[in-house]
Amino acid sequence: MPYLNLDDDYPDHPKVEALTDPAFRLHTAAMTFCAKFTTDGFISPSQASKRTTTYRPRLLTELIDGGLWHDQGDGCGTKTCPPGRAGFYLLHDYLQWNKSKDWWEKKRRKDAERLANWRASQAGGDGRV
């Protein structure tokens, strides 16, 4: 199951520390959404609006102006911050700290293969474990 890497200094980062409480909640909830659904840091406007009960469009402006999110279609294009995708916001440098969807899919395949091999090695003559 995917997880979110979140440094314990996260709330003290100058970009994060400057956020209002609702923007902090939106950013944190968006990160957990991206981790859970392995979106590589992309989030649609409709999903962003569902991440907090106090959602207001000004929160997006705060996150974009603060350098934590890229506006729809924008991105840095670096290894840890891919090019933007039309119709999606992008959490800046999400992949610097978190595994990509591709990484998780490979891990799942390897884990399934390892488990199948172990079960085969433990099986009796009739194929039961």
N, C-alpha and C. Protein backbone atom coordinates (compact mmCIF):
# COMPACT_ATOMS: atom_id res chain seq x y z
N MET A 1 0.84 -1.17 0.00
CA MET A 1 0.00 0.00 0.00
C MET A 1 0.89 1.25 0.00
N PRO A 2 0.62 2.20 -0.86
CA PRO A 2 1.43 3.42 -0.89
C PRO A 2 1.35 4.20 0.42
N TYR A 3 2.35 4.98 0.64
CA TYR A 3 2.39 5.84 1.82
C TYR A 3 2.99 7.18 1.42
N LEU A 4 2.82 8.16 2.28
CA LEU A 4 3.34 9.50 2.06
C LEU A 4 4.58 9.70 2.91
N ASN A 5 5.66 10.11 2.30
CA ASN A 5 6.85 10.50 3.04
C ASN A 5 6.67 11.95 3.45
N LEU A 6 6.69 12.20 4.73
CA LEU A 6 6.51 13.54 5.24
C LEU A 6 7.54 13.78 6.33
N ASP A 7 8.48 14.65 6.06
CA ASP A 7 9.54 14.96 7.00
C ASP A 7 8.97 15.64 8.24
N ASP A 8 9.54 15.36 9.39
CA ASP A 8 9.02 15.98 10.60
C ASP A 8 9.32 17.48 10.67
N ASP A 9 10.13 17.98 9.77
CA ASP A 9 10.37 19.43 9.67
C ASP A 9 9.40 20.10 8.70
N TYR A 10 8.49 19.32 8.10
CA TYR A 10 7.56 19.85 7.11
C TYR A 10 6.83 21.11 7.58
N PRO A 11 6.23 21.13 8.78
CA PRO A 11 5.50 22.34 9.17
C PRO A 11 6.39 23.56 9.38
N ASP A 12 7.70 23.33 9.56
CA ASP A 12 8.62 24.43 9.82
C ASP A 12 9.28 24.99 8.56
N HIS A 13 9.05 24.36 7.41
CA HIS A 13 9.63 24.87 6.16
C HIS A 13 9.06 26.26 5.91
N PRO A 14 9.88 27.21 5.50
CA PRO A 14 9.39 28.59 5.31
C PRO A 14 8.18 28.69 4.38
N LYS A 15 8.13 27.89 3.32
CA LYS A 15 6.98 27.94 2.42
C LYS A 15 5.71 27.45 3.12
N VAL A 16 5.86 26.44 3.96
CA VAL A 16 4.72 25.85 4.64
C VAL A 16 4.32 26.69 5.85
N GLU A 17 5.31 27.15 6.56
CA GLU A 17 5.06 27.96 7.76
C GLU A 17 4.27 29.23 7.45
N ALA A 18 4.44 29.75 6.24
CA ALA A 18 3.77 30.98 5.84
C ALA A 18 2.29 30.77 5.49
N LEU A 19 1.85 29.52 5.36
CA LEU A 19 0.47 29.24 4.96
C LEU A 19 -0.53 29.55 6.07
N THR A 20 -1.72 29.92 5.66
CA THR A 20 -2.83 29.99 6.61
C THR A 20 -3.21 28.57 7.00
N ASP A 21 -3.94 28.43 8.07
CA ASP A 21 -4.34 27.09 8.51
C ASP A 21 -5.15 26.33 7.44
N PRO A 22 -6.13 26.98 6.79
CA PRO A 22 -6.87 26.23 5.75
C PRO A 22 -6.00 25.81 4.57
N ALA A 23 -5.04 26.65 4.18
CA ALA A 23 -4.15 26.29 3.07
C ALA A 23 -3.22 25.15 3.49
N PHE A 24 -2.76 25.17 4.73
CA PHE A 24 -1.93 24.09 5.25
C PHE A 24 -2.71 22.77 5.20
N ARG A 25 -3.95 22.81 5.64
CA ARG A 25 -4.78 21.60 5.62
C ARG A 25 -5.00 21.11 4.20
N LEU A 26 -5.29 22.02 3.28
CA LEU A 26 -5.51 21.64 1.89
C LEU A 26 -4.25 21.01 1.31
N HIS A 27 -3.11 21.63 1.55
CA HIS A 27 -1.85 21.10 1.00
C HIS A 27 -1.55 19.71 1.58
N THR A 28 -1.70 19.55 2.87
CA THR A 28 -1.42 18.26 3.50
C THR A 28 -2.40 17.19 3.02
N ALA A 29 -3.67 17.54 2.96
CA ALA A 29 -4.67 16.58 2.49
C ALA A 29 -4.45 16.22 1.03
N ALA A 30 -4.01 17.17 0.22
CA ALA A 30 -3.73 16.89 -1.19
C ALA A 30 -2.54 15.94 -1.32
N MET A 31 -1.53 16.11 -0.46
CA MET A 31 -0.39 15.20 -0.51
C MET A 31 -0.82 13.77 -0.17
N THR A 32 -1.67 13.62 0.84
CA THR A 32 -2.10 12.27 1.20
C THR A 32 -2.96 11.67 0.08
N PHE A 33 -3.78 12.49 -0.56
CA PHE A 33 -4.57 12.01 -1.70
C PHE A 33 -3.66 11.52 -2.82
N CYS A 34 -2.65 12.31 -3.15
CA CYS A 34 -1.73 11.94 -4.23
C CYS A 34 -0.98 10.66 -3.90
N ALA A 35 -0.62 10.47 -2.64
CA ALA A 35 0.07 9.24 -2.24
C ALA A 35 -0.88 8.05 -2.33
N LYS A 36 -2.07 8.20 -1.79
CA LYS A 36 -3.03 7.10 -1.76
C LYS A 36 -3.39 6.60 -3.16
N PHE A 37 -3.58 7.54 -4.08
CA PHE A 37 -4.01 7.17 -5.43
C PHE A 37 -2.87 7.21 -6.45
N THR A 38 -1.64 7.29 -5.96
CA THR A 38 -0.42 7.29 -6.78
C THR A 38 -0.57 8.16 -8.03
N THR A 39 -0.80 9.46 -7.80
CA THR A 39 -1.01 10.40 -8.91
C THR A 39 0.25 11.12 -9.33
N ASP A 40 1.38 10.84 -8.68
CA ASP A 40 2.65 11.51 -8.96
C ASP A 40 2.58 13.01 -8.69
N GLY A 41 1.69 13.42 -7.81
CA GLY A 41 1.60 14.82 -7.41
C GLY A 41 0.57 15.62 -8.19
N PHE A 42 -0.15 14.99 -9.09
CA PHE A 42 -1.19 15.69 -9.85
C PHE A 42 -2.53 15.56 -9.12
N ILE A 43 -3.28 16.66 -9.11
CA ILE A 43 -4.60 16.64 -8.49
C ILE A 43 -5.54 17.53 -9.29
N SER A 44 -6.73 17.02 -9.55
CA SER A 44 -7.71 17.78 -10.34
C SER A 44 -8.34 18.87 -9.48
N PRO A 45 -8.87 19.90 -10.11
CA PRO A 45 -9.56 20.94 -9.34
C PRO A 45 -10.70 20.38 -8.48
N SER A 46 -11.46 19.43 -9.01
CA SER A 46 -12.57 18.88 -8.22
C SER A 46 -12.07 18.10 -7.02
N GLN A 47 -10.99 17.34 -7.18
CA GLN A 47 -10.43 16.62 -6.04
C GLN A 47 -9.80 17.58 -5.03
N ALA A 48 -9.17 18.62 -5.51
CA ALA A 48 -8.58 19.61 -4.60
C ALA A 48 -9.67 20.24 -3.74
N SER A 49 -10.79 20.54 -4.35
CA SER A 49 -11.87 21.21 -3.60
C SER A 49 -12.49 20.30 -2.55
N LYS A 50 -12.33 19.00 -2.68
CA LYS A 50 -12.90 18.04 -1.72
C LYS A 50 -11.97 17.74 -0.55
N ARG A 51 -10.77 18.27 -0.57
CA ARG A 51 -9.79 17.91 0.45
C ARG A 51 -9.97 18.64 1.77
N THR A 52 -10.83 19.63 1.82
CA THR A 52 -11.07 20.35 3.06
C THR A 52 -12.49 20.90 3.07
N THR A 53 -13.06 20.97 4.25
CA THR A 53 -14.42 21.50 4.36
C THR A 53 -14.43 23.02 4.27
N THR A 54 -13.28 23.66 4.39
CA THR A 54 -13.20 25.12 4.32
C THR A 54 -12.62 25.59 2.99
N TYR A 55 -12.83 24.80 1.94
CA TYR A 55 -12.25 25.13 0.64
C TYR A 55 -12.74 26.48 0.12
N ARG A 56 -11.80 27.27 -0.37
CA ARG A 56 -12.07 28.52 -1.06
C ARG A 56 -11.04 28.65 -2.17
N PRO A 57 -11.42 29.18 -3.33
CA PRO A 57 -10.45 29.34 -4.42
C PRO A 57 -9.19 30.12 -4.01
N ARG A 58 -9.32 31.00 -3.05
CA ARG A 58 -8.14 31.78 -2.62
C ARG A 58 -7.05 30.87 -2.04
N LEU A 59 -7.44 29.68 -1.55
CA LEU A 59 -6.44 28.75 -1.02
C LEU A 59 -5.52 28.26 -2.13
N LEU A 60 -6.08 28.03 -3.30
CA LEU A 60 -5.26 27.61 -4.45
C LEU A 60 -4.28 28.70 -4.81
N THR A 61 -4.76 29.93 -4.81
CA THR A 61 -3.88 31.07 -5.11
C THR A 61 -2.75 31.14 -4.09
N GLU A 62 -3.08 30.92 -2.83
CA GLU A 62 -2.07 30.95 -1.77
C GLU A 62 -1.01 29.86 -1.99
N LEU A 63 -1.45 28.67 -2.36
CA LEU A 63 -0.51 27.57 -2.57
C LEU A 63 0.34 27.78 -3.83
N ILE A 64 -0.28 28.29 -4.87
CA ILE A 64 0.46 28.55 -6.12
C ILE A 64 1.44 29.69 -5.93
N ASP A 65 0.97 30.79 -5.36
CA ASP A 65 1.85 31.94 -5.13
C ASP A 65 2.96 31.62 -4.14
N GLY A 66 2.69 30.69 -3.24
CA GLY A 66 3.69 30.29 -2.25
C GLY A 66 4.71 29.29 -2.77
N GLY A 67 4.54 28.84 -4.02
CA GLY A 67 5.50 27.92 -4.62
C GLY A 67 5.33 26.46 -4.23
N LEU A 68 4.19 26.13 -3.62
CA LEU A 68 3.95 24.75 -3.22
C LEU A 68 3.19 23.96 -4.27
N TRP A 69 2.41 24.65 -5.07
CA TRP A 69 1.65 24.02 -6.17
C TRP A 69 1.95 24.77 -7.45
N HIS A 70 1.81 24.06 -8.55
CA HIS A 70 1.85 24.68 -9.87
C HIS A 70 0.42 24.77 -10.38
N ASP A 71 0.13 25.86 -11.08
CA ASP A 71 -1.21 26.06 -11.63
C ASP A 71 -1.50 24.99 -12.68
N GLN A 72 -2.75 24.86 -13.05
CA GLN A 72 -3.16 23.85 -14.02
C GLN A 72 -2.32 23.94 -15.29
N GLY A 73 -1.73 22.82 -15.67
CA GLY A 73 -0.92 22.75 -16.87
C GLY A 73 0.52 23.18 -16.69
N ASP A 74 0.86 23.74 -15.54
CA ASP A 74 2.23 24.20 -15.30
C ASP A 74 3.02 23.16 -14.50
N GLY A 75 4.33 23.27 -14.58
CA GLY A 75 5.24 22.42 -13.82
C GLY A 75 6.65 22.88 -14.07
N CYS A 76 7.58 22.39 -13.30
CA CYS A 76 8.99 22.78 -13.46
C CYS A 76 9.65 22.01 -14.60
N GLY A 77 9.27 20.76 -14.77
CA GLY A 77 9.90 19.92 -15.77
C GLY A 77 11.20 19.29 -15.29
N THR A 78 11.49 19.39 -13.99
CA THR A 78 12.68 18.75 -13.45
C THR A 78 12.35 17.29 -13.13
N LYS A 79 13.35 16.53 -12.73
CA LYS A 79 13.13 15.11 -12.41
C LYS A 79 12.14 14.94 -11.27
N THR A 80 12.19 15.83 -10.29
CA THR A 80 11.31 15.71 -9.13
C THR A 80 10.03 16.52 -9.27
N CYS A 81 9.91 17.25 -10.37
CA CYS A 81 8.71 18.05 -10.62
C CYS A 81 8.45 18.03 -12.12
N PRO A 82 7.69 17.05 -12.58
CA PRO A 82 7.51 16.86 -14.02
C PRO A 82 6.77 17.99 -14.70
N PRO A 83 6.72 17.98 -16.02
CA PRO A 83 5.93 18.98 -16.74
C PRO A 83 4.47 18.89 -16.30
N GLY A 84 3.79 20.00 -16.40
CA GLY A 84 2.39 20.04 -16.01
C GLY A 84 1.51 19.22 -16.94
N ARG A 85 0.28 19.05 -16.51
CA ARG A 85 -0.73 18.32 -17.29
C ARG A 85 -1.98 19.18 -17.31
N ALA A 86 -2.52 19.41 -18.49
CA ALA A 86 -3.70 20.25 -18.63
C ALA A 86 -4.83 19.75 -17.72
N GLY A 87 -5.47 20.68 -17.02
CA GLY A 87 -6.60 20.34 -16.17
C GLY A 87 -6.24 19.83 -14.80
N PHE A 88 -4.94 19.83 -14.44
CA PHE A 88 -4.50 19.36 -13.13
C PHE A 88 -3.54 20.34 -12.49
N TYR A 89 -3.65 20.47 -11.18
CA TYR A 89 -2.62 21.17 -10.41
C TYR A 89 -1.51 20.14 -10.16
N LEU A 90 -0.32 20.65 -9.88
CA LEU A 90 0.81 19.77 -9.59
C LEU A 90 1.46 20.23 -8.30
N LEU A 91 1.62 19.31 -7.36
CA LEU A 91 2.30 19.64 -6.11
C LEU A 91 3.80 19.68 -6.39
N HIS A 92 4.38 20.85 -6.14
CA HIS A 92 5.79 21.09 -6.47
C HIS A 92 6.70 20.10 -5.75
N ASP A 93 7.59 19.48 -6.53
CA ASP A 93 8.60 18.54 -6.03
C ASP A 93 8.03 17.37 -5.24
N TYR A 94 6.80 16.98 -5.53
CA TYR A 94 6.20 15.83 -4.85
C TYR A 94 7.08 14.58 -4.99
N LEU A 95 7.62 14.38 -6.19
CA LEU A 95 8.41 13.17 -6.44
C LEU A 95 9.82 13.24 -5.86
N GLN A 96 10.20 14.38 -5.32
CA GLN A 96 11.49 14.45 -4.64
C GLN A 96 11.44 13.62 -3.36
N TRP A 97 10.29 13.57 -2.73
CA TRP A 97 10.16 12.92 -1.44
C TRP A 97 9.32 11.65 -1.47
N ASN A 98 8.58 11.43 -2.56
CA ASN A 98 7.65 10.31 -2.62
C ASN A 98 7.90 9.45 -3.85
N LYS A 99 7.53 8.20 -3.74
CA LYS A 99 7.72 7.25 -4.83
C LYS A 99 6.68 7.50 -5.93
N SER A 100 7.08 7.21 -7.15
CA SER A 100 6.19 7.41 -8.30
C SER A 100 5.22 6.25 -8.45
N LYS A 101 4.20 6.47 -9.25
CA LYS A 101 3.24 5.41 -9.55
C LYS A 101 3.96 4.21 -10.16
N ASP A 102 4.90 4.47 -11.06
CA ASP A 102 5.67 3.40 -11.70
C ASP A 102 6.43 2.58 -10.65
N TRP A 103 7.03 3.24 -9.68
CA TRP A 103 7.78 2.55 -8.62
C TRP A 103 6.85 1.63 -7.85
N TRP A 104 5.66 2.14 -7.47
CA TRP A 104 4.71 1.34 -6.70
C TRP A 104 4.21 0.15 -7.51
N GLU A 105 3.96 0.33 -8.80
CA GLU A 105 3.50 -0.79 -9.62
C GLU A 105 4.56 -1.87 -9.73
N LYS A 106 5.82 -1.48 -9.90
CA LYS A 106 6.91 -2.46 -9.95
C LYS A 106 7.05 -3.19 -8.62
N LYS A 107 6.93 -2.44 -7.52
CA LYS A 107 7.03 -3.06 -6.20
C LYS A 107 5.92 -4.09 -6.00
N ARG A 108 4.70 -3.75 -6.37
CA ARG A 108 3.59 -4.69 -6.23
C ARG A 108 3.84 -5.97 -7.03
N ARG A 109 4.34 -5.80 -8.26
CA ARG A 109 4.62 -6.99 -9.09
C ARG A 109 5.71 -7.85 -8.46
N LYS A 110 6.78 -7.20 -7.99
CA LYS A 110 7.87 -7.96 -7.36
C LYS A 110 7.39 -8.65 -6.09
N ASP A 111 6.59 -7.96 -5.29
CA ASP A 111 6.08 -8.56 -4.05
C ASP A 111 5.18 -9.74 -4.36
N ALA A 112 4.32 -9.61 -5.37
CA ALA A 112 3.43 -10.71 -5.75
C ALA A 112 4.23 -11.90 -6.25
N GLU A 113 5.25 -11.63 -7.03
CA GLU A 113 6.10 -12.71 -7.55
C GLU A 113 6.85 -13.39 -6.41
N ARG A 114 7.38 -12.61 -5.48
CA ARG A 114 8.10 -13.18 -4.34
C ARG A 114 7.17 -14.05 -3.50
N LEU A 115 5.94 -13.57 -3.26
CA LEU A 115 4.98 -14.35 -2.49
C LEU A 115 4.59 -15.64 -3.22
N ALA A 116 4.38 -15.55 -4.51
CA ALA A 116 4.03 -16.75 -5.29
C ALA A 116 5.17 -17.76 -5.23
N ASN A 117 6.40 -17.29 -5.35
CA ASN A 117 7.56 -18.19 -5.28
C ASN A 117 7.67 -18.83 -3.90
N TRP A 118 7.43 -18.05 -2.86
CA TRP A 118 7.51 -18.60 -1.51
C TRP A 118 6.43 -19.66 -1.31
N ARG A 119 5.20 -19.34 -1.75
CA ARG A 119 4.11 -20.29 -1.60
C ARG A 119 4.41 -21.59 -2.37
N ALA A 120 4.99 -21.46 -3.55
CA ALA A 120 5.34 -22.63 -4.33
C ALA A 120 6.40 -23.46 -3.61
N SER A 121 7.34 -22.78 -2.98
CA SER A 121 8.41 -23.51 -2.27
C SER A 121 7.89 -24.20 -1.01
N GLN A 122 6.80 -23.67 -0.44
CA GLN A 122 6.22 -24.23 0.78
C GLN A 122 5.15 -25.29 0.50
N ALA A 123 4.74 -25.37 -0.74
CA ALA A 123 3.63 -26.29 -1.07
C ALA A 123 4.09 -27.74 -0.97
N GLY A 124 3.12 -28.55 -0.56
CA GLY A 124 3.36 -29.98 -0.52
C GLY A 124 3.19 -30.55 -1.91
N GLY A 125 3.21 -31.84 -2.03
CA GLY A 125 3.07 -32.52 -3.31
C GLY A 125 1.74 -32.23 -4.00
N ASP A 126 0.71 -31.86 -3.23
CA ASP A 126 -0.59 -31.60 -3.83
C ASP A 126 -0.81 -30.13 -4.16
N GLY A 127 0.23 -29.29 -3.94
CA GLY A 127 0.15 -27.86 -4.28
C GLY A 127 -0.46 -27.00 -3.19
N ARG A 128 -0.83 -27.59 -2.06
CA ARG A 128 -1.39 -26.79 -0.96
C ARG A 128 -0.27 -26.35 -0.03
N VAL A 129 -0.49 -25.20 0.59
CA VAL A 129 0.48 -24.68 1.56
C VAL A 129 0.26 -25.30 2.90
